[in-house]
């Protein structure tokens, strides 16, 4: 299994805070690796040193969280894995696909900093020798692969990631994409493939642009539409819209305030280790995946198994055709007026509500990093926060209020009772008192969302919105730095949603969005 990023956190001004398993492989020249820090994190708020809960308390909290999901949200389930794709884009270390020769210090800095410019899709570009393998022979289109026939469904060209490099079975299964994490489960792999289709369709729409300029023009157009979709569609679904609008209209109040827009950003550790782990609570135990694997037969463990990073593709070398995603079951195309692409409510997948509960399968993770024995995802998250001395929820609330952010702190009663979330009755009175005084930031943020209809609010919304804003501002292509830009590939010059991206990528055709049919 390809693991969720480096487990080392190089925090600016503090150095390497922790080192667990699965660290970053050296890919550059030794002298560059030695002189250049790994991915660059920073601390937005105060350190939580001395405020962390002990293992017995964290264990009980984790067990209370991992009992079952707290109910369904109105958010289509596809946004769960779009969030994972975005997380990988933000945390992608481009030096993994760069040759260690003729790399400038500026390139190194940018390559190990958060951005939202789809490096995880493009790598270092088609002219970089180490990234050329991600591209078709023309050096403009991105490569796609073919599925293998299964269940009477023939092989289908373009519906799997490109695979087949190397001589071993494992190497042949491995996806030929810049970020292997995007093949750790089938849902994120099919999302990555949709973005490949989107890029290729944009390339095809630019036939009047000279061939030598077409890739750069396509990448800029793709990236700006992607950022617009995140700003106007994704973020308002997971965060209170008022917070998102305030940050993108009036600017940041807490994170890298006053930074030169083109300076290289850092990644707040509060975002990476707490706030953006909201997606863990959105995961379903099973999905109505397509015509073959319906009514919950698309279980979470099978979505891992039928990938090349988290499983074995079911024992083959390519994705079986009966596992191609039906995007109509993951996104609501009626939002774009396409009633012909609607599925019956019983077949449509909604994400789990963002709250302090995670589904049962995440209590017993099916695949662990080498040498690790902890199977409860909630406990892993709480323990990682302890290792990096993350601020508590109360500390972050006070910090943000002092920065001029308007928010209401959760009361001890709200933290203890919640709203159909984790039941803390199993904690001792002493443990419960400790939790209410120094609430782990991840739990606090999820409790905020739970009490706000399943959307991040207060501390969580502010951390996420400001991190996205800075990552967009500091990206090489940026709608924040180009406020006059508007989308051209949606229904009008103000609208471009994820469904619009998919409609463009799949030519608006039902037989491409749902190739297995009804």
Protein backbone atom coordinates (compact mmCIF):
# COMPACT_ATOMS: atom_id res chain seq x y z
CA UNK A 1 0.00 0.00 0.00
CA UNK A 2 1.20 3.48 -0.84
CA UNK A 3 1.00 5.48 2.36
CA UNK A 4 -0.53 8.83 3.10
CA UNK A 5 2.45 11.09 2.62
CA UNK A 6 5.61 11.37 4.61
CA UNK A 7 5.27 10.64 8.31
CA UNK A 8 8.00 13.18 9.04
CA UNK A 9 6.97 16.76 9.77
CA UNK A 10 9.61 19.37 9.08
CA UNK A 11 8.16 22.44 10.78
CA UNK A 12 9.79 25.75 9.92
CA UNK A 13 11.65 27.04 12.96
CA UNK A 14 11.35 23.74 14.84
CA UNK A 15 12.98 21.16 12.61
CA UNK A 16 11.95 17.53 12.24
CA UNK A 17 9.31 16.92 14.90
CA UNK A 18 8.56 13.26 14.45
CA UNK A 19 9.64 10.28 12.47
CA UNK A 20 7.41 7.25 12.20
CA UNK A 21 7.28 4.75 9.36
CA UNK A 22 7.07 5.26 5.62
CA UNK A 23 9.31 8.30 5.25
CA UNK A 24 10.15 10.00 1.98
CA UNK A 25 12.50 8.22 -0.40
CA UNK A 26 15.58 10.08 -1.56
CA UNK A 27 15.14 11.02 -5.23
CA UNK A 28 17.50 13.93 -5.79
CA UNK A 29 21.25 14.04 -5.84
CA UNK A 30 22.65 13.28 -2.38
CA UNK A 31 24.03 16.78 -1.93
CA UNK A 32 20.63 18.31 -2.67
CA UNK A 33 18.80 15.88 -0.40
CA UNK A 34 21.15 16.71 2.45
CA UNK A 35 20.80 20.46 1.99
CA UNK A 36 17.07 20.62 1.34
CA UNK A 37 14.41 20.03 4.00
CA UNK A 38 11.49 17.71 3.26
CA UNK A 39 7.98 19.02 2.74
CA UNK A 40 7.66 22.35 4.57
CA UNK A 41 5.13 22.61 7.39
CA UNK A 42 4.57 25.55 9.71
CA UNK A 43 2.63 26.15 12.90
CA UNK A 44 -0.30 28.50 12.47
CA UNK A 45 -1.16 28.70 16.17
CA UNK A 46 0.55 27.91 19.49
CA UNK A 47 2.28 24.70 20.45
CA UNK A 48 0.22 22.28 22.47
CA UNK A 49 3.16 20.97 24.46
CA UNK A 50 2.08 19.89 27.92
CA UNK A 51 -1.59 19.76 26.93
CA UNK A 52 -1.73 16.36 25.24
CA UNK A 53 -3.89 13.55 26.56
CA UNK A 54 -2.35 10.27 27.67
CA UNK A 55 -2.67 7.02 25.75
CA UNK A 56 -5.51 5.48 27.82
CA UNK A 57 -7.61 8.60 27.28
CA UNK A 58 -6.82 8.78 23.58
CA UNK A 59 -7.63 5.08 23.24
CA UNK A 60 -11.07 5.52 24.81
CA UNK A 61 -11.84 8.58 22.70
CA UNK A 62 -10.79 6.71 19.56
CA UNK A 63 -12.96 3.73 20.46
CA UNK A 64 -15.92 6.05 21.06
CA UNK A 65 -15.38 7.62 17.62
CA UNK A 66 -14.99 4.38 15.67
CA UNK A 67 -18.34 2.78 16.36
CA UNK A 68 -20.23 3.66 13.17
CA UNK A 69 -20.97 6.70 11.07
CA UNK A 70 -23.23 9.30 12.57
CA UNK A 71 -25.59 9.46 9.60
CA UNK A 72 -25.65 10.58 5.99
CA UNK A 73 -24.90 14.09 4.77
CA UNK A 74 -26.37 15.89 1.78
CA UNK A 75 -22.89 15.99 0.22
CA UNK A 76 -22.52 13.58 -2.73
CA UNK A 77 -20.03 10.85 -1.86
CA UNK A 78 -17.70 11.72 -4.73
CA UNK A 79 -16.58 14.81 -2.80
CA UNK A 80 -15.04 12.52 -0.16
CA UNK A 81 -12.50 11.30 -2.67
CA UNK A 82 -12.15 14.61 -4.45
CA UNK A 83 -10.99 15.80 -1.02
CA UNK A 84 -8.42 13.00 -0.92
CA UNK A 85 -7.23 13.93 -4.41
CA UNK A 86 -6.90 17.58 -3.31
CA UNK A 87 -5.03 16.57 -0.15
CA UNK A 88 -2.52 14.70 -2.27
CA UNK A 89 -2.18 17.70 -4.58
CA UNK A 90 -1.50 19.98 -1.60
CA UNK A 91 1.06 17.64 -0.05
CA UNK A 92 2.71 16.38 -3.23
CA UNK A 93 6.50 16.54 -3.07
CA UNK A 94 7.44 17.20 -6.68
CA UNK A 95 11.06 16.28 -6.05
CA UNK A 96 9.84 12.65 -6.22
CA UNK A 97 9.52 13.10 -9.99
CA UNK A 98 12.39 15.52 -10.61
CA UNK A 99 15.87 14.55 -11.67
CA UNK A 100 18.54 15.62 -9.22
CA UNK A 101 20.47 17.63 -11.78
CA UNK A 102 20.15 21.27 -12.75
CA UNK A 103 17.49 21.90 -10.11
CA UNK A 104 17.53 25.47 -8.83
CA UNK A 105 17.01 26.41 -5.16
CA UNK A 106 13.78 28.17 -6.14
CA UNK A 107 12.49 25.02 -7.83
CA UNK A 108 13.38 22.97 -4.78
CA UNK A 109 11.54 25.33 -2.48
CA UNK A 110 8.43 25.35 -4.67
CA UNK A 111 8.55 21.58 -5.12
CA UNK A 112 8.32 20.95 -1.38
CA UNK A 113 5.61 23.46 -0.56
CA UNK A 114 1.80 23.25 -0.74
CA UNK A 115 0.15 24.38 -3.93
CA UNK A 116 -3.07 23.77 -5.80
CA UNK A 117 -1.69 23.63 -9.32
CA UNK A 118 -2.10 19.89 -9.98
CA UNK A 119 1.53 18.83 -9.70
CA UNK A 120 0.16 15.45 -8.61
CA UNK A 121 -1.39 15.19 -12.09
CA UNK A 122 1.34 16.80 -14.19
CA UNK A 123 4.52 15.90 -12.30
CA UNK A 124 7.34 18.16 -13.40
CA UNK A 125 5.87 18.52 -16.88
CA UNK A 126 6.43 16.67 -20.18
CA UNK A 127 9.83 18.24 -20.83
CA UNK A 128 11.28 16.84 -17.59
CA UNK A 129 12.88 13.45 -18.37
CA UNK A 130 11.62 11.90 -15.14
CA UNK A 131 8.02 12.95 -15.84
CA UNK A 132 7.86 12.16 -19.56
CA UNK A 133 6.43 8.69 -18.81
CA UNK A 134 3.16 10.24 -17.62
CA UNK A 135 2.50 11.66 -21.09
CA UNK A 136 1.42 10.28 -24.46
CA UNK A 137 3.84 10.26 -27.36
CA UNK A 138 2.83 13.79 -28.38
CA UNK A 139 4.04 15.16 -25.04
CA UNK A 140 0.78 17.08 -24.61
CA UNK A 141 -1.88 14.55 -23.63
CA UNK A 142 -1.71 12.53 -20.42
CA UNK A 143 -1.66 8.75 -20.64
CA UNK A 144 -4.60 6.50 -19.81
CA UNK A 145 -4.80 2.73 -19.62
CA UNK A 146 -7.26 -0.01 -20.50
CA UNK A 147 -9.31 -2.30 -18.30
CA UNK A 148 -9.41 -6.07 -18.68
CA UNK A 149 -12.58 -7.97 -19.60
CA UNK A 150 -14.64 -9.27 -16.67
CA UNK A 151 -18.20 -10.51 -16.07
CA UNK A 152 -18.87 -10.48 -19.78
CA UNK A 153 -17.91 -6.80 -19.99
CA UNK A 154 -15.17 -6.31 -22.60
CA UNK A 155 -11.91 -4.48 -22.03
CA UNK A 156 -12.43 -0.74 -22.28
CA UNK A 157 -9.76 1.67 -23.43
CA UNK A 158 -9.21 4.74 -21.27
CA UNK A 159 -11.04 3.57 -18.15
CA UNK A 160 -8.01 2.61 -16.03
CA UNK A 161 -4.84 4.42 -15.14
CA UNK A 162 -1.82 3.59 -17.27
CA UNK A 163 0.08 0.59 -15.87
CA UNK A 164 2.62 -1.99 -17.02
CA UNK A 165 6.07 -0.54 -16.34
CA UNK A 166 8.68 -2.88 -14.86
CA UNK A 167 9.11 -6.62 -14.87
CA UNK A 168 7.59 -7.80 -11.58
CA UNK A 169 3.87 -8.31 -11.00
CA UNK A 170 3.85 -5.49 -8.44
CA UNK A 171 5.58 -3.11 -10.82
CA UNK A 172 3.21 -3.99 -13.66
CA UNK A 173 0.23 -3.20 -11.45
CA UNK A 174 1.63 0.14 -10.33
CA UNK A 175 -0.06 3.16 -11.87
CA UNK A 176 2.14 5.37 -14.04
CA UNK A 177 1.14 8.65 -12.40
CA UNK A 178 3.17 11.25 -10.50
CA UNK A 179 1.59 10.56 -7.10
CA UNK A 180 1.19 6.83 -6.31
CA UNK A 181 -1.14 7.75 -3.43
CA UNK A 182 -3.79 8.43 -6.07
CA UNK A 183 -3.97 4.69 -6.68
CA UNK A 184 -4.36 3.64 -3.04
CA UNK A 185 -8.10 3.09 -3.48
CA UNK A 186 -10.33 2.79 -6.53
CA UNK A 187 -12.40 5.91 -5.80
CA UNK A 188 -9.42 8.26 -5.78
CA UNK A 189 -7.88 6.41 -8.75
CA UNK A 190 -11.01 6.95 -10.84
CA UNK A 191 -11.03 10.60 -9.70
CA UNK A 192 -7.45 11.00 -10.91
CA UNK A 193 -8.45 9.40 -14.20
CA UNK A 194 -11.30 11.91 -14.56
CA UNK A 195 -8.78 14.74 -14.22
CA UNK A 196 -6.63 13.10 -16.90
CA UNK A 197 -9.68 13.09 -19.18
CA UNK A 198 -10.37 16.72 -18.30
CA UNK A 199 -6.86 17.77 -19.27
CA UNK A 200 -6.96 15.80 -22.52
CA UNK A 201 -10.32 17.30 -23.51
CA UNK A 202 -9.00 20.80 -22.80
CA UNK A 203 -5.99 20.04 -25.00
CA UNK A 204 -8.32 18.95 -27.79
CA UNK A 205 -10.30 22.19 -27.44
CA UNK A 206 -7.15 24.24 -28.07
CA UNK A 207 -6.40 23.00 -31.58
CA UNK A 208 -5.89 26.58 -32.77
CA UNK A 209 -3.06 27.12 -30.28
CA UNK A 210 0.38 26.32 -31.73
CA UNK A 211 1.53 22.83 -30.71
CA UNK A 212 4.54 24.19 -28.85
CA UNK A 213 2.32 26.33 -26.63
CA UNK A 214 -0.65 23.99 -26.27
CA UNK A 215 0.41 22.10 -23.15
CA UNK A 216 1.14 25.26 -21.15
CA UNK A 217 -2.13 26.82 -22.28
CA UNK A 218 -4.09 23.68 -21.38
CA UNK A 219 -2.46 23.33 -17.99
CA UNK A 220 -3.24 26.94 -17.07
CA UNK A 221 -6.86 26.57 -18.17
CA UNK A 222 -7.26 23.27 -16.30
CA UNK A 223 -5.65 24.60 -13.14
CA UNK A 224 -7.71 27.78 -12.98
CA UNK A 225 -10.96 25.88 -13.51
CA UNK A 226 -9.88 23.41 -10.82
CA UNK A 227 -9.18 26.22 -8.35
CA UNK A 228 -12.50 27.90 -9.20
CA UNK A 229 -14.33 24.63 -8.57
CA UNK A 230 -12.60 24.21 -5.21
CA UNK A 231 -13.37 27.79 -4.19
CA UNK A 232 -17.02 27.88 -5.29
CA UNK A 233 -18.20 24.25 -5.09
CA UNK A 234 -16.03 22.05 -2.88
CA UNK A 235 -15.20 24.43 -0.02
CA UNK A 236 -18.78 25.68 0.55
CA UNK A 237 -19.94 22.06 0.84
CA UNK A 238 -17.55 21.23 3.68
CA UNK A 239 -17.19 24.65 5.35
CA UNK A 240 -19.60 27.37 6.41
CA UNK A 241 -19.99 29.45 3.26
CA UNK A 242 -19.72 32.72 5.19
CA UNK A 243 -16.23 31.83 6.38
CA UNK A 244 -15.07 30.85 2.89
CA UNK A 245 -16.48 34.04 1.39
CA UNK A 246 -14.91 36.19 4.10
CA UNK A 247 -11.44 34.72 3.58
CA UNK A 248 -11.53 34.93 -0.22
CA UNK A 249 -13.06 38.42 -0.18
CA UNK A 250 -11.29 40.07 2.75
CA UNK A 251 -8.12 38.01 3.05
CA UNK A 252 -6.52 35.92 5.78
CA UNK A 253 -6.35 36.94 9.43
CA UNK A 254 -4.29 34.14 10.95
CA UNK A 255 -2.07 32.36 8.43
CA UNK A 256 0.90 34.02 6.67
CA UNK A 257 -0.89 37.35 6.85
CA UNK A 258 0.76 39.94 4.63
CA UNK A 259 2.90 37.41 2.79
CA UNK A 260 4.13 38.45 -0.61
CA UNK A 261 1.64 36.57 -2.82
CA UNK A 262 4.34 34.98 -4.97
CA UNK A 263 6.40 33.85 -2.00
CA UNK A 264 6.41 30.09 -1.47
CA UNK A 265 3.74 29.04 1.06
CA UNK A 266 4.06 26.56 3.89
CA UNK A 267 1.51 24.04 5.14
CA UNK A 268 -0.04 24.64 8.58
CA UNK A 269 0.38 21.52 10.64
CA UNK A 270 -3.02 22.23 12.20
CA UNK A 271 -4.55 21.78 8.74
CA UNK A 272 -2.65 18.63 7.82
CA UNK A 273 -2.90 16.76 11.12
CA UNK A 274 -6.37 17.91 12.22
CA UNK A 275 -8.65 20.14 10.15
CA UNK A 276 -8.35 18.44 6.76
CA UNK A 277 -8.75 15.00 8.27
CA UNK A 278 -12.46 15.81 8.15
CA UNK A 279 -12.61 13.42 5.19
CA UNK A 280 -12.15 10.43 7.47
CA UNK A 281 -15.60 11.05 8.92
CA UNK A 282 -17.14 11.29 5.41
CA UNK A 283 -16.10 7.78 4.34
CA UNK A 284 -18.86 5.21 3.91
CA UNK A 285 -18.49 1.53 4.79
CA UNK A 286 -19.88 0.57 1.38
CA UNK A 287 -20.98 2.15 -1.90
CA UNK A 288 -23.51 1.49 -4.62
CA UNK A 289 -20.61 1.56 -7.06
CA UNK A 290 -22.02 0.60 -10.45
CA UNK A 291 -24.52 -1.73 -12.15
CA UNK A 292 -22.56 -4.81 -11.06
CA UNK A 293 -21.53 -3.83 -7.54
CA UNK A 294 -24.69 -2.22 -6.25
CA UNK A 295 -26.71 -2.16 -3.03
CA UNK A 296 -23.60 -1.81 -0.88
CA UNK A 297 -21.55 -4.50 -2.62
CA UNK A 298 -18.92 -1.86 -3.39
CA UNK A 299 -17.47 -2.22 0.09
CA UNK A 300 -14.63 -0.05 1.34
CA UNK A 301 -12.22 -2.97 1.56
CA UNK A 302 -12.95 -3.89 -2.07
CA UNK A 303 -12.28 -0.31 -3.18
CA UNK A 304 -8.82 -0.77 -1.70
CA UNK A 305 -8.41 -4.26 -3.15
CA UNK A 306 -9.27 -3.18 -6.70
CA UNK A 307 -6.49 -0.61 -6.86
CA UNK A 308 -2.82 -1.01 -7.60
CA UNK A 309 -1.51 0.77 -4.51
CA UNK A 310 -3.85 -0.41 -1.76
CA UNK A 311 -4.53 -3.86 -3.21
CA UNK A 312 -3.86 -6.23 -6.08
CA UNK A 313 -6.49 -5.12 -8.64
CA UNK A 314 -8.32 -8.31 -7.69
CA UNK A 315 -5.31 -10.44 -8.59
CA UNK A 316 -4.78 -9.10 -12.11
CA UNK A 317 -2.52 -6.54 -13.71
CA UNK A 318 -5.22 -4.04 -14.70
CA UNK A 319 -8.60 -2.94 -13.43
CA UNK A 320 -11.39 -5.39 -14.33
CA UNK A 321 -14.07 -3.74 -16.47
CA UNK A 322 -16.79 -4.56 -13.95
CA UNK A 323 -15.18 -2.14 -11.46
CA UNK A 324 -15.31 1.04 -13.60
CA UNK A 325 -16.98 3.84 -11.62
CA UNK A 326 -20.48 5.05 -12.37
CA UNK A 327 -20.02 8.77 -11.70
CA UNK A 328 -23.80 9.31 -11.69
CA UNK A 329 -23.89 7.48 -8.36
CA UNK A 330 -21.15 9.71 -6.87
CA UNK A 331 -22.17 13.19 -8.10
CA UNK A 332 -25.56 14.82 -8.61
CA UNK A 333 -25.74 15.90 -12.24
CA UNK A 334 -29.19 17.39 -11.77
CA UNK A 335 -27.26 20.34 -10.30
CA UNK A 336 -26.25 21.02 -13.91
CA UNK A 337 -29.76 20.44 -15.24
CA UNK A 338 -28.99 16.94 -16.47
CA UNK A 339 -32.00 14.98 -15.24
CA UNK A 340 -31.10 12.29 -17.79
CA UNK A 341 -28.00 11.53 -15.68
CA UNK A 342 -29.89 11.10 -12.41
CA UNK A 343 -30.10 7.73 -10.71
CA UNK A 344 -32.86 6.60 -8.33
CA UNK A 345 -32.25 7.80 -4.75
CA UNK A 346 -31.56 4.24 -3.59
CA UNK A 347 -28.61 4.03 -6.00
CA UNK A 348 -27.13 7.44 -5.15
CA UNK A 349 -24.26 7.62 -2.66
CA UNK A 350 -24.21 10.42 -0.14
CA UNK A 351 -21.17 10.97 2.09
CA UNK A 352 -21.35 10.38 5.80
CA UNK A 353 -21.97 13.49 7.88
CA UNK A 354 -18.87 15.36 9.05
CA UNK A 355 -18.92 14.63 12.78
CA UNK A 356 -17.00 12.84 15.55
CA UNK A 357 -17.83 9.35 14.29
CA UNK A 358 -16.14 7.19 11.66
CA UNK A 359 -17.45 4.01 10.09
CA UNK A 360 -16.65 0.56 11.48
CA UNK A 361 -14.08 -0.47 8.83
CA UNK A 362 -11.82 2.39 9.94
CA UNK A 363 -11.67 0.85 13.40
CA UNK A 364 -9.78 -2.04 11.85
CA UNK A 365 -7.68 -0.74 8.99
CA UNK A 366 -7.21 -3.51 6.42
CA UNK A 367 -3.66 -2.55 5.43
CA UNK A 368 -1.02 -1.04 7.70
CA UNK A 369 2.37 0.53 7.03
CA UNK A 370 5.29 -1.87 7.50
CA UNK A 371 6.11 -2.45 11.16
CA UNK A 372 2.96 -0.74 12.43
CA UNK A 373 0.33 -2.52 14.50
CA UNK A 374 -2.22 0.21 15.24
CA UNK A 375 -5.46 -0.56 13.38
CA UNK A 376 -7.80 2.17 14.67
CA UNK A 377 -7.61 5.20 12.37
CA UNK A 378 -9.02 7.53 15.02
CA UNK A 379 -6.31 6.53 17.50
CA UNK A 380 -3.64 6.99 14.83
CA UNK A 381 -4.89 10.52 14.14
CA UNK A 382 -4.97 11.45 17.84
CA UNK A 383 -1.52 9.97 18.41
CA UNK A 384 0.02 11.74 15.44
CA UNK A 385 -1.29 15.04 16.82
CA UNK A 386 0.39 14.29 20.13
CA UNK A 387 3.70 13.56 18.40
CA UNK A 388 3.72 16.94 16.69
CA UNK A 389 2.54 18.77 19.83
CA UNK A 390 -0.58 20.09 18.12
CA UNK A 391 -2.51 22.89 19.81
CA UNK A 392 -5.79 21.97 21.47
CA UNK A 393 -9.14 23.14 20.15
CA UNK A 394 -9.40 25.67 22.96
CA UNK A 395 -5.93 27.05 22.22
CA UNK A 396 -6.75 27.50 18.54
CA UNK A 397 -10.09 29.14 19.29
CA UNK A 398 -8.38 31.67 21.57
CA UNK A 399 -5.59 32.24 19.04
CA UNK A 400 -8.02 32.91 16.20
CA UNK A 401 -10.20 35.22 18.30
CA UNK A 402 -7.08 37.20 19.20
CA UNK A 403 -6.39 37.54 15.49
CA UNK A 404 -9.76 39.18 14.96
CA UNK A 405 -11.65 36.10 13.77
CA UNK A 406 -15.28 36.08 14.85
CA UNK A 407 -16.17 32.71 16.32
CA UNK A 408 -17.87 31.18 19.33
CA UNK A 409 -15.90 28.72 21.44
CA UNK A 410 -17.52 25.39 22.15
CA UNK A 411 -18.68 25.03 25.74
CA UNK A 412 -17.68 22.02 27.84
CA UNK A 413 -21.26 20.77 27.58
CA UNK A 414 -21.19 20.97 23.78
CA UNK A 415 -17.91 19.07 23.67
CA UNK A 416 -19.21 16.42 26.05
CA UNK A 417 -22.68 15.91 24.56
CA UNK A 418 -22.35 16.81 20.89
CA UNK A 419 -25.18 15.99 18.50
CA UNK A 420 -25.48 12.26 17.84
CA UNK A 421 -21.72 11.94 17.64
CA UNK A 422 -19.13 10.10 19.71
CA UNK A 423 -20.53 9.03 23.08
CA UNK A 424 -18.00 9.79 25.81
CA UNK A 425 -19.74 7.81 28.56
CA UNK A 426 -16.96 5.22 28.51
CA UNK A 427 -14.39 7.72 29.78
CA UNK A 428 -13.76 8.01 33.47
CA UNK A 429 -14.71 11.26 35.15
CA UNK A 430 -11.04 12.26 35.29
CA UNK A 431 -10.50 11.42 31.62
CA UNK A 432 -13.62 13.31 30.60
CA UNK A 433 -12.53 16.37 32.58
CA UNK A 434 -9.14 16.29 30.84
CA UNK A 435 -10.81 16.06 27.43
CA UNK A 436 -13.13 18.98 28.12
CA UNK A 437 -10.21 21.12 29.28
CA UNK A 438 -7.73 20.21 26.52
CA UNK A 439 -9.70 18.86 23.59
CA UNK A 440 -7.62 17.37 20.75
CA UNK A 441 -7.92 19.71 17.79
CA UNK A 442 -9.23 17.04 15.38
CA UNK A 443 -12.00 16.04 17.78
CA UNK A 444 -12.85 19.68 18.54
CA UNK A 445 -13.16 20.56 14.84
CA UNK A 446 -15.37 17.54 14.14
CA UNK A 447 -17.55 18.39 17.15
CA UNK A 448 -17.96 21.92 15.75
CA UNK A 449 -19.14 20.46 12.45
CA UNK A 450 -21.43 18.00 14.20
CA UNK A 451 -23.14 20.86 16.01
CA UNK A 452 -23.39 22.88 12.77
CA UNK A 453 -25.27 20.51 10.49
CA UNK A 454 -22.24 18.62 9.25
CA UNK A 455 -20.14 21.54 7.99
CA UNK A 456 -16.92 22.89 9.45
CA UNK A 457 -17.48 26.08 11.37
CA UNK A 458 -15.45 28.28 13.68
CA UNK A 459 -11.92 26.95 14.16
CA UNK A 460 -12.12 24.21 11.53
CA UNK A 461 -13.61 26.34 8.77
CA UNK A 462 -11.09 29.12 9.33
CA UNK A 463 -8.06 26.82 9.22
CA UNK A 464 -9.26 25.11 6.04
CA UNK A 465 -10.34 28.26 4.18
CA UNK A 466 -7.15 30.18 4.99
CA UNK A 467 -4.93 27.25 4.01
CA UNK A 468 -6.70 26.86 0.66
CA UNK A 469 -6.52 30.61 0.03
CA UNK A 470 -2.77 30.75 0.69
CA UNK A 471 -2.10 27.59 -1.33
CA UNK A 472 -3.95 29.06 -4.30
CA UNK A 473 -2.32 32.47 -3.86
CA UNK A 474 1.16 30.94 -3.84
CA UNK A 475 0.59 28.52 -6.73
CA UNK A 476 2.35 29.19 -10.00
CA UNK A 477 -1.08 29.57 -11.62
CA UNK A 478 -3.50 31.39 -9.35
CA UNK A 479 -7.06 32.71 -9.51
CA UNK A 480 -6.35 34.58 -6.25
CA UNK A 481 -3.61 36.60 -7.96
CA UNK A 482 -5.75 36.94 -11.09
CA UNK A 483 -9.13 38.12 -9.69
CA UNK A 484 -10.44 39.15 -13.11
CA UNK A 485 -10.33 35.57 -14.39
CA UNK A 486 -13.62 33.71 -14.85
CA UNK A 487 -14.38 30.19 -16.08
CA UNK A 488 -15.09 29.51 -19.74
CA UNK A 489 -15.88 25.79 -19.66
CA UNK A 490 -19.03 25.85 -17.52
CA UNK A 491 -22.59 26.99 -18.16
CA UNK A 492 -21.69 30.65 -17.62
CA UNK A 493 -18.72 32.82 -16.66
CA UNK A 494 -19.43 32.52 -12.92
CA UNK A 495 -20.13 28.80 -12.60
CA UNK A 496 -17.83 25.82 -12.73
CA UNK A 497 -18.61 22.93 -10.41
CA UNK A 498 -17.27 19.41 -10.12
CA UNK A 499 -20.22 18.18 -12.17
CA UNK A 500 -19.29 20.69 -14.88
CA UNK A 501 -15.72 19.39 -14.85
CA UNK A 502 -16.96 15.81 -15.24
CA UNK A 503 -19.43 16.74 -17.98
CA UNK A 504 -16.66 18.42 -19.95
CA UNK A 505 -14.19 15.59 -19.32
CA UNK A 506 -16.65 12.86 -20.32
CA UNK A 507 -18.17 14.84 -23.22
CA UNK A 508 -21.51 14.95 -21.42
CA UNK A 509 -22.12 11.34 -22.47
CA UNK A 510 -23.91 8.83 -20.29
CA UNK A 511 -22.02 5.92 -21.84
CA UNK A 512 -18.73 7.47 -20.66
CA UNK A 513 -19.87 8.61 -17.22
CA UNK A 514 -21.56 5.23 -16.64
CA UNK A 515 -20.08 2.80 -19.18
CA UNK A 516 -21.66 -0.24 -17.53
CA UNK A 517 -25.13 1.27 -17.90
CA UNK A 518 -27.99 1.27 -15.44
